[in-house]
Structures are given as C-alpha cells and as structure tokens.
Protein backbone atom coordinates (compact mmCIF):
# COMPACT_ATOMS: atom_id res chain seq x y z
CA MET A 1 -19.23 4.53 -0.49
CA ARG A 2 -18.84 1.72 2.02
CA ILE A 3 -15.88 1.94 4.39
CA PHE A 4 -14.14 -1.07 6.04
CA HIS A 5 -11.91 -0.84 9.05
CA ASP A 6 -10.39 -3.18 11.66
CA PRO A 7 -9.75 -1.59 15.12
CA GLY A 8 -7.37 -4.41 15.76
CA HIS A 9 -4.69 -2.60 13.72
CA SER A 10 -3.59 -0.77 16.86
CA ALA A 11 -1.99 -4.05 18.17
CA HIS A 12 0.79 -3.35 15.66
CA GLU A 13 2.90 -0.45 17.09
CA SER A 14 6.46 -0.11 16.51
CA LEU A 15 8.48 1.63 19.19
CA SER A 16 11.00 3.13 16.94
CA GLU A 17 12.49 3.20 13.45
CA MET A 18 15.85 4.06 11.95
CA HIS A 19 15.36 7.40 10.09
CA MET A 20 18.35 9.18 8.53
CA GLY A 21 20.81 7.73 11.04
CA ARG A 22 18.62 8.29 14.11
CA LEU A 23 16.21 6.15 16.10
CA VAL A 24 12.81 7.93 16.10
CA ARG A 25 9.20 6.95 16.89
CA CYS A 26 7.80 5.17 13.95
CA PHE A 27 5.96 7.54 11.65
CA GLU A 28 3.48 4.75 10.81
CA CYS A 29 1.62 4.92 14.10
CA PRO A 30 -1.77 3.78 15.25
CA GLU A 31 -3.18 7.26 15.81
CA ARG A 32 -3.09 7.91 12.02
CA MET A 33 -6.38 6.00 11.84
CA ASP A 34 -7.96 8.06 14.52
CA TYR A 35 -7.47 11.36 12.53
CA ILE A 36 -8.93 9.68 9.42
CA LEU A 37 -11.86 8.21 11.22
CA SER A 38 -12.64 11.57 12.84
CA ALA A 39 -12.46 13.44 9.46
CA LEU A 40 -14.70 10.89 7.82
CA SER A 41 -17.26 11.20 10.60
CA GLN A 42 -17.27 14.99 10.45
CA GLY A 43 -17.52 14.82 6.62
CA GLY A 44 -20.71 12.77 6.82
CA PHE A 45 -19.24 9.56 5.33
CA ALA A 46 -20.70 6.09 6.01
CA ALA A 47 -19.82 4.54 9.35
CA PRO A 48 -16.98 2.02 9.07
CA GLU A 49 -17.94 -1.63 8.86
CA ALA A 50 -15.99 -4.63 10.25
CA PRO A 51 -14.15 -6.68 7.51
CA ALA A 52 -14.58 -10.28 6.86
CA PRO A 53 -11.53 -12.51 7.37
CA VAL A 54 -9.39 -12.88 4.24
CA PRO A 55 -9.26 -16.42 3.05
CA ARG A 56 -5.75 -18.11 3.23
CA ALA A 57 -6.14 -19.36 -0.38
CA LEU A 58 -6.53 -15.67 -1.51
CA LEU A 59 -3.37 -14.66 0.51
CA GLU A 60 -1.53 -17.50 -1.39
CA ARG A 61 -2.56 -16.11 -4.68
CA VAL A 62 -0.51 -12.89 -3.81
CA HIS A 63 2.16 -14.23 -1.43
CA ASP A 64 4.37 -17.23 -1.27
CA SER A 65 3.16 -19.72 1.32
CA ALA A 66 6.62 -19.91 3.01
CA TYR A 67 6.59 -16.19 3.45
CA LEU A 68 3.14 -16.29 5.01
CA ALA A 69 4.28 -18.97 7.39
CA PHE A 70 7.35 -16.93 8.31
CA LEU A 71 5.21 -13.87 9.07
CA GLU A 72 2.77 -15.94 11.20
CA SER A 73 5.53 -17.28 13.41
CA ALA A 74 8.27 -14.58 13.24
CA HIS A 75 7.57 -12.75 16.42
CA ALA A 76 7.20 -15.91 18.57
CA ARG A 77 10.46 -17.23 17.18
CA TRP A 78 12.20 -13.85 17.99
CA ARG A 79 10.95 -13.77 21.44
CA ALA A 80 12.14 -17.38 22.07
CA ALA A 81 15.60 -16.29 21.01
CA TYR A 82 15.92 -12.67 22.12
CA ASP A 83 14.81 -10.62 25.06
CA THR A 84 13.58 -7.66 23.08
CA PRO A 85 9.95 -6.89 22.00
CA GLU A 86 10.55 -6.07 18.37
CA ALA A 87 12.04 -8.30 15.68
CA ILE A 88 14.35 -6.15 13.59
CA SER A 89 16.46 -7.44 10.71
CA PHE A 90 20.16 -6.39 10.49
CA THR A 91 21.69 -8.35 7.62
CA TYR A 92 20.52 -8.79 4.04
CA PRO A 93 21.32 -11.16 1.13
CA LEU A 94 22.53 -8.60 -1.34
CA PRO A 95 23.89 -9.57 -4.78
CA GLY A 96 26.82 -11.91 -4.42
CA LEU A 97 25.15 -13.57 -1.42
CA ARG A 98 22.73 -16.52 -1.40
CA ARG A 99 19.00 -16.10 -1.06
CA SER A 100 17.78 -19.47 -2.31
CA LYS A 101 16.72 -20.56 1.22
CA ALA A 102 15.85 -18.80 4.43
CA PRO A 103 18.25 -19.39 7.22
CA GLU A 104 16.94 -21.45 10.24
CA GLU A 105 17.90 -18.84 12.75
CA ILE A 106 15.36 -16.16 13.13
CA ALA A 107 17.65 -13.09 12.71
CA GLY A 108 18.82 -14.54 9.34
CA ALA A 109 15.32 -15.48 8.32
CA LEU A 110 14.25 -11.65 9.08
CA GLY A 111 17.01 -10.58 6.61
CA HIS A 112 15.88 -13.05 4.03
CA TYR A 113 12.36 -11.63 3.91
CA ASN A 114 12.94 -7.96 4.71
CA PHE A 115 14.31 -5.25 2.49
CA SER A 116 14.33 -2.20 4.87
CA VAL A 117 15.35 -1.61 8.38
CA ASP A 118 12.47 0.80 9.11
CA THR A 119 10.00 -2.11 9.45
CA CYS A 120 9.68 -4.11 12.75
CA ILE A 121 7.59 -7.08 13.59
CA THR A 122 5.79 -6.85 16.94
CA ALA A 123 3.56 -9.15 18.83
CA GLY A 124 0.52 -7.74 17.18
CA THR A 125 1.87 -7.43 13.60
CA TRP A 126 0.46 -10.58 12.08
CA GLY A 127 -3.07 -10.12 13.38
CA ALA A 128 -3.10 -6.50 12.34
CA ALA A 129 -1.75 -7.38 8.90
CA LEU A 130 -4.57 -9.96 8.51
CA GLY A 131 -7.17 -7.49 9.51
CA SER A 132 -5.73 -4.89 7.14
CA ALA A 133 -5.88 -7.40 4.30
CA GLY A 134 -9.37 -8.35 5.30
CA CYS A 135 -10.42 -4.72 4.83
CA ALA A 136 -8.99 -4.70 1.28
CA HIS A 137 -10.54 -8.10 0.51
CA THR A 138 -14.02 -7.06 1.86
CA ALA A 139 -14.03 -3.76 0.10
CA ALA A 140 -13.19 -5.46 -3.25
CA ALA A 141 -15.78 -8.12 -2.63
CA ALA A 142 -18.43 -5.36 -2.09
CA VAL A 143 -17.44 -3.85 -5.46
CA ALA A 144 -17.46 -7.19 -7.19
CA GLY A 145 -20.87 -7.66 -5.75
CA GLY A 146 -22.28 -4.45 -7.38
CA GLU A 147 -21.17 -1.52 -5.18
CA THR A 148 -19.74 1.39 -7.20
CA SER A 149 -17.07 2.27 -4.68
CA ALA A 150 -15.54 1.21 -1.34
CA PHE A 151 -12.74 2.32 0.97
CA ALA A 152 -10.50 0.04 2.81
CA LEU A 153 -9.12 2.07 5.73
CA ALA A 154 -6.32 -0.49 6.15
CA ARG A 155 -3.38 -0.42 8.47
CA PRO A 156 -0.62 -1.49 8.33
CA PRO A 157 -0.27 -0.36 4.72
CA GLY A 158 0.73 -2.85 2.02
CA HIS A 159 1.93 -1.43 -1.35
CA HIS A 160 5.64 -2.06 -0.56
CA ALA A 161 5.13 -5.71 0.20
CA HIS A 162 6.25 -8.22 -2.48
CA ALA A 163 5.20 -11.88 -2.82
CA ASP A 164 7.99 -12.83 -0.38
CA LEU A 165 9.32 -9.50 1.07
CA TYR A 166 8.17 -7.09 3.66
CA GLY A 167 9.43 -3.45 4.28
CA GLY A 168 8.46 0.13 4.09
CA TYR A 169 5.94 -0.54 6.95
CA CYS A 170 4.15 -3.12 4.72
CA PHE A 171 3.76 -6.95 5.31
CA LEU A 172 0.74 -8.11 3.09
CA ASN A 173 0.09 -6.40 -0.19
CA ASN A 174 -3.48 -5.14 0.42
CA ALA A 175 -3.93 -3.68 -3.17
CA GLY A 176 -2.80 -6.96 -4.59
CA ILE A 177 -5.38 -8.78 -2.50
CA ALA A 178 -8.07 -6.41 -3.71
CA VAL A 179 -7.03 -7.09 -7.32
CA GLU A 180 -7.26 -10.90 -6.84
CA THR A 181 -10.63 -10.54 -5.09
CA LEU A 182 -12.00 -8.69 -8.08
CA ILE A 183 -10.58 -11.26 -10.52
CA GLU A 184 -11.99 -14.06 -8.45
CA GLY A 185 -15.29 -12.12 -8.56
CA GLY A 186 -15.44 -12.10 -12.37
CA ALA A 187 -13.25 -9.21 -13.57
CA ALA A 188 -11.14 -10.02 -16.61
CA ARG A 189 -8.96 -6.82 -16.39
CA VAL A 190 -8.15 -4.64 -13.38
CA ALA A 191 -6.14 -1.38 -13.28
CA LEU A 192 -4.09 -0.75 -10.19
CA LEU A 193 -3.23 2.93 -9.71
CA ASP A 194 -0.74 3.85 -6.92
CA ILE A 195 -0.74 7.53 -5.95
CA ASP A 196 1.31 7.25 -2.79
CA TYR A 197 4.46 9.49 -2.60
CA HIS A 198 6.61 6.40 -2.68
CA HIS A 199 6.78 3.83 -5.52
CA GLY A 200 4.51 0.89 -5.26
CA ASN A 201 7.28 -1.55 -5.69
CA GLY A 202 5.24 -4.56 -4.28
CA GLY A 203 2.38 -4.07 -6.76
CA GLN A 204 4.76 -3.79 -9.67
CA ALA A 205 6.80 -6.83 -8.72
CA ILE A 206 3.70 -8.95 -8.09
CA PHE A 207 1.99 -8.14 -11.44
CA TYR A 208 5.01 -7.35 -13.57
CA ALA A 209 4.52 -10.45 -15.91
CA ARG A 210 0.79 -10.14 -16.20
CA ASN A 211 -1.48 -8.50 -18.77
CA ASP A 212 -4.71 -8.74 -16.86
CA VAL A 213 -3.49 -6.05 -14.42
CA LEU A 214 -2.47 -2.68 -15.66
CA PHE A 215 -0.12 -1.24 -12.97
CA LEU A 216 0.49 2.61 -12.80
CA SER A 217 2.54 4.44 -10.16
CA LEU A 218 2.89 8.10 -9.55
CA HIS A 219 5.85 8.63 -7.17
CA ALA A 220 9.08 10.42 -6.25
CA ASP A 221 12.03 9.64 -8.48
CA PRO A 222 13.82 6.51 -7.19
CA ASN A 223 17.05 8.27 -8.04
CA GLN A 224 16.18 10.50 -4.92
CA GLU A 225 13.71 8.61 -2.85
CA PHE A 226 12.76 5.27 -1.17
CA PRO A 227 12.47 2.49 -2.15
CA TYR A 228 15.27 3.50 -4.61
CA PHE A 229 15.62 0.22 -6.52
CA LEU A 230 12.34 0.08 -8.52
CA GLY A 231 10.07 2.64 -10.11
CA HIS A 232 12.01 4.01 -13.10
CA ALA A 233 10.10 4.92 -16.20
CA GLU A 234 11.78 2.30 -18.34
CA GLU A 235 10.29 -0.54 -16.21
CA THR A 236 7.41 -1.47 -18.32
CA GLY A 237 6.78 -5.25 -17.56
CA THR A 238 8.11 -8.55 -18.82
CA GLY A 239 6.76 -11.44 -20.90
CA ARG A 240 3.07 -11.25 -21.26
CA GLY A 241 3.13 -8.22 -19.02
CA GLU A 242 5.36 -6.17 -21.25
CA GLY A 243 3.67 -2.74 -21.63
CA PHE A 244 1.28 -3.25 -18.68
CA THR A 245 3.45 -1.36 -16.12
CA GLN A 246 3.77 2.45 -16.30
CA ASN A 247 5.73 4.52 -13.84
CA TYR A 248 5.62 8.23 -13.47
CA PRO A 249 8.69 9.21 -11.40
CA MET A 250 8.81 12.86 -10.37
CA ARG A 251 11.60 14.95 -8.80
CA TRP A 252 11.52 16.38 -5.26
CA GLY A 253 9.47 19.59 -5.08
CA THR A 254 6.75 18.55 -7.46
CA ASP A 255 3.50 20.36 -6.92
CA TYR A 256 0.08 19.66 -8.13
CA ALA A 257 0.69 21.17 -11.62
CA GLY A 258 3.25 18.48 -12.42
CA TRP A 259 1.60 15.83 -10.36
CA GLY A 260 -1.78 16.46 -11.78
CA GLU A 261 -0.32 16.04 -15.38
CA ALA A 262 0.99 12.69 -14.43
CA LEU A 263 -2.37 11.67 -12.87
CA ASP A 264 -4.14 12.75 -16.09
CA ALA A 265 -1.69 10.74 -18.19
CA ALA A 266 -2.26 7.67 -16.04
CA CYS A 267 -5.98 8.04 -16.15
CA GLN A 268 -5.80 8.21 -19.99
CA ARG A 269 -3.77 4.88 -20.06
CA ILE A 270 -6.52 3.43 -17.76
CA THR A 271 -9.24 4.57 -20.20
CA ALA A 272 -7.42 2.98 -23.10
CA TYR A 273 -6.89 -0.23 -21.17
CA ALA A 274 -10.77 -0.40 -20.38
CA PRO A 275 -10.61 -2.43 -17.21
CA ASP A 276 -13.56 -3.85 -15.40
CA ALA A 277 -12.58 -2.17 -12.16
CA LEU A 278 -9.95 0.07 -10.58
CA VAL A 279 -7.98 -0.30 -7.35
CA VAL A 280 -6.33 2.89 -5.97
CA SER A 281 -3.52 2.76 -3.58
CA LEU A 282 -4.25 5.94 -1.72
CA GLY A 283 -1.27 7.54 -0.09
CA VAL A 284 -1.55 11.17 0.86
CA ASP A 285 2.10 11.60 1.79
CA THR A 286 2.42 13.80 -1.29
CA PHE A 287 1.27 16.55 1.06
CA GLU A 288 3.63 19.54 1.42
CA ALA A 289 4.02 19.07 5.19
CA ASP A 290 4.60 15.36 5.26
CA PRO A 291 7.59 14.64 7.49
CA ILE A 292 9.14 12.01 5.18
CA SER A 293 8.19 13.31 1.70
CA GLN A 294 9.35 16.01 -0.66
CA PHE A 295 6.33 16.82 -2.86
CA ARG A 296 4.25 20.00 -2.50
CA LEU A 297 0.70 19.14 -2.84
CA LYS A 298 -1.71 21.22 -0.76
CA THR A 299 -4.85 20.24 1.13
CA THR A 300 -6.98 21.86 -1.62
CA ASP A 301 -5.37 19.63 -4.27
CA PHE A 302 -6.65 16.29 -2.96
CA PRO A 303 -10.29 16.83 -3.95
CA LYS A 304 -9.05 17.44 -7.53
CA ALA A 305 -7.29 14.18 -7.58
CA GLY A 306 -10.45 12.36 -6.34
CA ALA A 307 -12.55 14.13 -9.01
CA ARG A 308 -10.11 13.12 -11.75
CA ILE A 309 -10.34 9.54 -10.66
CA ALA A 310 -14.08 9.70 -10.63
CA LYS A 311 -14.09 10.79 -14.32
CA LEU A 312 -12.85 7.31 -15.29
CA GLY A 313 -16.44 6.03 -14.43
CA LEU A 314 -15.08 2.77 -13.03
CA PRO A 315 -16.06 0.64 -10.08
CA THR A 316 -13.33 1.76 -7.63
CA ILE A 317 -11.72 0.45 -4.46
CA PHE A 318 -9.50 2.83 -2.50
CA ILE A 319 -6.86 1.16 -0.21
CA MET A 320 -5.19 3.36 2.51
CA GLU A 321 -1.47 3.50 2.18
CA GLY A 322 0.87 6.23 3.44
CA GLY A 323 0.50 9.75 4.88
CA TYR A 324 2.37 10.77 8.04
CA ALA A 325 1.47 14.45 8.63
CA ILE A 326 -1.17 13.21 11.03
CA GLU A 327 -2.96 16.33 12.03
CA ALA A 328 -3.77 16.90 8.24
CA LEU A 329 -4.06 13.29 7.37
CA GLY A 330 -7.84 12.84 7.81
CA ILE A 331 -8.69 16.08 6.02
CA ASN A 332 -6.59 15.04 3.03
CA VAL A 333 -7.92 11.49 2.90
CA ALA A 334 -11.50 12.86 3.14
CA GLY A 335 -10.61 15.42 0.48
CA VAL A 336 -9.72 12.63 -2.13
CA LEU A 337 -12.86 10.49 -1.27
CA GLY A 338 -15.08 13.65 -1.26
CA GLY A 339 -13.62 14.77 -4.53
CA TYR A 340 -14.41 11.30 -5.94
CA LEU A 341 -17.99 11.40 -4.61
CA GLY A 342 -18.64 14.94 -5.84
CA LYS A 343 -19.07 16.19 -2.20
C-alpha cells in the first residue's frame, strides 16, 4: 500500500475552537499526524511519499470556483481588516436570510461560506488544504494507474466540506477529489464509504444527485451529534441519484457489535452496486476514548473493520479524516490498514 503525505499540513494550526461553550485548543492539531506516522513506521508500512499538486480544474469539479477563490484569499483579507491571527465567522445566513451572494466584507463572507464556528482559517490553511487534497488526488491516481490500494494521510480532513461550504475542520473535500480522480481515470462507478464517527455531510451533498457514485456513511445519529442537519436514514438521494445515498445513523454508546452490523450492511450494498473502485473516508473517532465522540469501539476492533473492507476485493483508497484521541490514533489507523492488508 502506497502512502501519500504532505508535511506542509503543519502550517495550518488553529489556536482555539469553541467547544461546548468553552474556548479550548483545537482537537484537530498537527501532532495527530506525528502519531500516525510513527505507528505506520513501527508497523512496517511503506514510507510516505510526497503528493503531486492537485490540478485546479479537478478542484473545480468538486467545488464552486467562487468558493475556491474565497478560501485562497480569505486570510489575507481578514488580516487587512482585523488585527487577529485567525479568521472566525460569527454570523450565518440561516433560513429567512439571504444567501444568494457573499457579502463584500470579509466577516460576512466567512459566514456565507462557513457552517460551524469550530473551524478557523489561518495563514497556512489554504496551502495545507491544497497539500491535503494533493494527497487524495495522488493516492487515487495511483490506484487508477493499477495499484490495488493507497492511503492519503491527509490533513486538514475534508469530509464535512461541501461544494461551497467549510466547517467541521474541513475546507476541501478530499474524498470527493479522490472520487473525481478515479472517474477521470476511467472508472464508471465509484463507491464512497465514510466510516468517521461524524456524518460525511460534504460527500453526501456533493454526490446527492448522481448515480455514478454510491455514497454510504456510518455515523452517530444526527439527532444527537454534529453535524446535526444531515445524515438521517431517509436521505437517499434526489433525481438520478435517488437510491444512491445510504446513511446508517447509530445512537451514542454504539459498540462494535452494532457498528460492525452497519459496516456489513454497507459492504453488501457496495457489492450489489459493483463499483470499479472504493474510496474510504477513514475516521477513527469511533474509538471509545475519543474526546469528542460517543461510540465505544476498542483498539482491537479496527483491524476487523479493515478486514471486512478488504473482503470487497476492490481497488481502494483510504483518506484520513477524524480521530482525536491522539495517543491511540496511530495505533488505530494502523489497525484498520493492517487489517485490510492482512497483517
């Protein structure tokens, strides 16, 4: 399994986030990658490779061009207006307000393109997001070129990013970029399986009206958990995409017995769909000790998940998403990948 990683991710570091009414250090921190890299090295995995740049045209197949231009310029515009290092939105165009056009002033533009106050834009955010997207693109290109599997050790994560929205620590939808890379490389049908604790709202929104991408997400029930406003079982697609979205919401306290049943059901749907390739949004924040999650998976469960995905027999790209119990993070990621490879 080839692994792609961009050390430039560390340029994106948020000083704080709003969590349950308190300002705390951002859970999505640069050292997350250090723990994963260490575990992969100790586990005998391949050394990470640098990614190729992601083409702008590919980004524009996933994201609106105006949104990309906003992300690229947001921090400079913020610093020109305000004497603080992090650009943070504080007002949002909720129903009843107008969202047809982004305000000229940067604080208003932030609210136009953002959906959660936990996500800051720093001086290094755009460069890190591009490098993260490059990891996903290069991993998918490797699989499109004949590799059986690849891992994009991408940061910042991406599965909450919509075509024109950022939030949940995500700016560019890395899994969506991997899917489009595969399709550009000749795949007619791709399955996108999101196993992060939180619903992959960005992937669902981007592919909701398409039938060449089967989107499946295992996650905490949105009646209880972020992102709250997508991820219900009755959301199944629209237009040509009707029936090509499948959500598996689960209640707080779910352990591997219940989670594994949902994974098996998702894998059966993938087999019936018969895609040319599989993209996995790999979050391990389902872990029982994760500080912002409420599932009960144990370290010994993650290899089982990887082994079940391997049984699909598909060319597979894993894209790193969430996981915030950082001392166990690398072990759990290596567990999924090792289980997939039969280690």
